[in-house]
């Protein structure tokens, strides 16, 4: 049965950065996450996760303390 872990040089579960960038651009243009899911064959949850991560990065980058 095995431990069902992924080993090797490349993790095949990773999404190409070009696909991520395209999905973020599509979402920014107003296309729904489920539509992006159908068009790019990635999970809508992954798309929403990328959006949240991008927004949090921008938010915390803006809130650096002023010294």
N, C-alpha and C. Protein backbone atom coordinates (compact mmCIF):
# COMPACT_ATOMS: atom_id res chain seq x y z
N UNK A 1 0.81 -1.18 0.00
CA UNK A 1 0.00 0.00 0.00
C UNK A 1 0.87 1.25 0.00
N UNK A 2 1.85 1.36 0.84
CA UNK A 2 2.76 2.49 0.80
C UNK A 2 2.25 3.68 1.61
N UNK A 3 3.12 4.64 1.74
CA UNK A 3 2.78 5.81 2.55
C UNK A 3 2.14 6.93 1.72
N UNK A 4 2.05 6.75 0.40
CA UNK A 4 1.42 7.70 -0.52
C UNK A 4 2.10 9.08 -0.52
N UNK A 5 3.39 9.11 -0.28
CA UNK A 5 4.14 10.35 -0.33
C UNK A 5 4.82 10.48 -1.69
N UNK A 6 5.11 11.69 -2.08
CA UNK A 6 5.71 11.95 -3.38
C UNK A 6 7.20 12.20 -3.20
N UNK A 7 8.01 11.40 -3.87
CA UNK A 7 9.45 11.55 -3.82
C UNK A 7 9.99 11.66 -5.23
N UNK A 8 11.11 12.30 -5.36
CA UNK A 8 11.73 12.42 -6.67
C UNK A 8 12.27 13.81 -6.90
N UNK A 9 12.76 14.02 -8.10
CA UNK A 9 13.36 15.30 -8.45
C UNK A 9 12.31 16.40 -8.58
N UNK A 10 11.14 16.07 -9.08
CA UNK A 10 10.12 17.08 -9.34
C UNK A 10 8.79 16.65 -8.75
N UNK A 11 8.14 17.55 -8.05
CA UNK A 11 6.81 17.28 -7.50
C UNK A 11 5.78 17.60 -8.58
N UNK A 12 5.11 16.59 -9.09
CA UNK A 12 4.18 16.76 -10.20
C UNK A 12 2.89 17.47 -9.79
N UNK A 13 2.68 17.67 -8.47
CA UNK A 13 1.48 18.36 -8.02
C UNK A 13 1.61 19.88 -8.15
N UNK A 14 2.82 20.38 -8.35
CA UNK A 14 3.03 21.83 -8.44
C UNK A 14 2.45 22.38 -9.73
N UNK A 15 1.90 23.56 -9.66
CA UNK A 15 1.32 24.22 -10.82
C UNK A 15 2.37 25.16 -11.41
N UNK A 16 2.43 25.21 -12.72
CA UNK A 16 3.37 26.07 -13.42
C UNK A 16 3.13 27.54 -13.03
N UNK A 17 4.19 28.28 -12.72
CA UNK A 17 4.02 29.69 -12.34
C UNK A 17 3.31 30.53 -13.41
N UNK A 18 3.45 30.16 -14.67
CA UNK A 18 2.75 30.89 -15.73
C UNK A 18 1.25 30.72 -15.61
N UNK A 19 0.82 29.51 -15.24
CA UNK A 19 -0.62 29.24 -15.04
C UNK A 19 -1.13 30.05 -13.84
N UNK A 20 -0.33 30.10 -12.76
CA UNK A 20 -0.73 30.88 -11.58
C UNK A 20 -0.90 32.35 -11.94
N UNK A 21 0.08 32.90 -12.68
CA UNK A 21 0.02 34.31 -13.06
C UNK A 21 -1.19 34.58 -13.95
N UNK A 22 -1.47 33.67 -14.88
CA UNK A 22 -2.63 33.82 -15.75
C UNK A 22 -3.92 33.77 -14.95
N UNK A 23 -4.00 32.84 -14.00
CA UNK A 23 -5.20 32.72 -13.17
C UNK A 23 -5.42 33.98 -12.33
N UNK A 24 -4.34 34.54 -11.77
CA UNK A 24 -4.45 35.77 -10.99
C UNK A 24 -4.89 36.95 -11.87
N UNK A 25 -4.35 37.01 -13.08
CA UNK A 25 -4.75 38.08 -13.99
C UNK A 25 -6.22 37.95 -14.38
N UNK A 26 -6.65 36.72 -14.63
CA UNK A 26 -8.06 36.49 -14.99
C UNK A 26 -8.97 36.87 -13.84
N UNK A 27 -8.58 36.51 -12.61
CA UNK A 27 -9.39 36.83 -11.45
C UNK A 27 -9.47 38.34 -11.26
N UNK A 28 -8.35 39.03 -11.50
CA UNK A 28 -8.32 40.49 -11.37
C UNK A 28 -9.22 41.16 -12.42
N UNK A 29 -9.41 40.50 -13.56
CA UNK A 29 -10.29 41.03 -14.61
C UNK A 29 -11.76 40.76 -14.33
N UNK A 30 -12.04 39.99 -13.27
CA UNK A 30 -13.42 39.75 -12.89
C UNK A 30 -13.97 38.39 -13.25
N UNK A 31 -13.12 37.50 -13.73
CA UNK A 31 -13.58 36.15 -14.07
C UNK A 31 -13.68 35.34 -12.79
N UNK A 32 -14.77 34.61 -12.64
CA UNK A 32 -15.03 33.84 -11.43
C UNK A 32 -14.03 32.68 -11.29
N UNK A 33 -13.76 32.30 -10.04
CA UNK A 33 -12.78 31.24 -9.76
C UNK A 33 -13.20 29.92 -10.39
N UNK A 34 -14.49 29.60 -10.38
CA UNK A 34 -14.93 28.34 -10.98
C UNK A 34 -14.80 28.34 -12.50
N UNK A 35 -14.95 29.50 -13.12
CA UNK A 35 -14.75 29.62 -14.56
C UNK A 35 -13.26 29.42 -14.89
N UNK A 36 -12.39 30.01 -14.06
CA UNK A 36 -10.95 29.82 -14.23
C UNK A 36 -10.60 28.35 -14.07
N UNK A 37 -11.26 27.70 -13.10
CA UNK A 37 -11.05 26.27 -12.88
C UNK A 37 -11.33 25.48 -14.15
N UNK A 38 -12.43 25.79 -14.79
CA UNK A 38 -12.81 25.07 -16.01
C UNK A 38 -11.87 25.38 -17.17
N UNK A 39 -11.44 26.62 -17.28
CA UNK A 39 -10.60 27.02 -18.41
C UNK A 39 -9.15 26.54 -18.28
N UNK A 40 -8.60 26.61 -17.08
CA UNK A 40 -7.18 26.28 -16.89
C UNK A 40 -6.94 24.91 -16.27
N UNK A 41 -8.02 24.22 -15.89
CA UNK A 41 -7.92 22.88 -15.30
C UNK A 41 -7.13 22.88 -14.00
N UNK A 42 -7.40 23.87 -13.15
CA UNK A 42 -6.86 23.92 -11.80
C UNK A 42 -8.03 24.08 -10.83
N UNK A 43 -7.83 23.70 -9.61
CA UNK A 43 -8.89 23.78 -8.61
C UNK A 43 -9.26 25.23 -8.31
N UNK A 44 -10.56 25.49 -8.15
CA UNK A 44 -10.98 26.85 -7.79
C UNK A 44 -10.46 27.22 -6.40
N UNK A 45 -10.30 26.21 -5.54
CA UNK A 45 -9.73 26.48 -4.21
C UNK A 45 -8.28 26.92 -4.32
N UNK A 46 -7.55 26.35 -5.26
CA UNK A 46 -6.17 26.78 -5.48
C UNK A 46 -6.14 28.23 -5.96
N UNK A 47 -7.03 28.57 -6.87
CA UNK A 47 -7.09 29.95 -7.39
C UNK A 47 -7.37 30.92 -6.25
N UNK A 48 -8.36 30.61 -5.43
CA UNK A 48 -8.71 31.49 -4.31
C UNK A 48 -7.58 31.57 -3.29
N UNK A 49 -6.86 30.48 -3.09
CA UNK A 49 -5.70 30.48 -2.20
C UNK A 49 -4.61 31.39 -2.71
N UNK A 50 -4.35 31.35 -4.02
CA UNK A 50 -3.33 32.23 -4.62
C UNK A 50 -3.73 33.69 -4.47
N UNK A 51 -5.03 33.96 -4.65
CA UNK A 51 -5.52 35.34 -4.53
C UNK A 51 -5.34 35.83 -3.09
N UNK A 52 -5.74 35.01 -2.12
CA UNK A 52 -5.59 35.39 -0.72
C UNK A 52 -4.12 35.64 -0.37
N UNK A 53 -3.25 34.75 -0.83
CA UNK A 53 -1.83 34.88 -0.54
C UNK A 53 -1.27 36.17 -1.13
N UNK A 54 -1.68 36.50 -2.35
CA UNK A 54 -1.22 37.72 -3.02
C UNK A 54 -1.73 38.96 -2.27
N UNK A 55 -3.00 38.93 -1.86
CA UNK A 55 -3.57 40.07 -1.14
C UNK A 55 -2.91 40.27 0.21
N UNK A 56 -2.65 39.18 0.93
CA UNK A 56 -1.99 39.29 2.23
C UNK A 56 -0.58 39.83 2.08
N UNK A 57 0.12 39.40 1.05
CA UNK A 57 1.48 39.89 0.82
C UNK A 57 1.47 41.39 0.57
N UNK A 58 0.51 41.86 -0.22
CA UNK A 58 0.41 43.30 -0.49
C UNK A 58 0.04 44.06 0.77
N UNK A 59 -0.88 43.50 1.57
CA UNK A 59 -1.34 44.16 2.78
C UNK A 59 -0.20 44.33 3.78
N UNK A 60 0.56 43.27 4.01
CA UNK A 60 1.64 43.35 4.99
C UNK A 60 2.81 44.15 4.47
N UNK A 61 3.01 44.19 3.18
CA UNK A 61 4.07 44.99 2.61
C UNK A 61 3.79 46.48 2.84
N UNK A 62 2.52 46.86 2.75
CA UNK A 62 2.11 48.25 2.94
C UNK A 62 2.20 48.68 4.40
N UNK A 63 2.05 47.75 5.34
CA UNK A 63 1.96 48.10 6.77
C UNK A 63 3.30 47.98 7.49
N UNK A 64 4.38 48.30 6.85
CA UNK A 64 5.67 48.28 7.53
C UNK A 64 5.75 49.46 8.50
N UNK A 65 6.30 49.24 9.68
CA UNK A 65 6.36 50.34 10.67
C UNK A 65 7.31 51.45 10.20
N UNK A 66 6.90 52.68 10.49
CA UNK A 66 7.73 53.83 10.13
C UNK A 66 8.61 54.20 11.32
N UNK A 67 9.88 54.27 11.05
CA UNK A 67 10.84 54.57 12.14
C UNK A 67 11.47 55.92 11.90
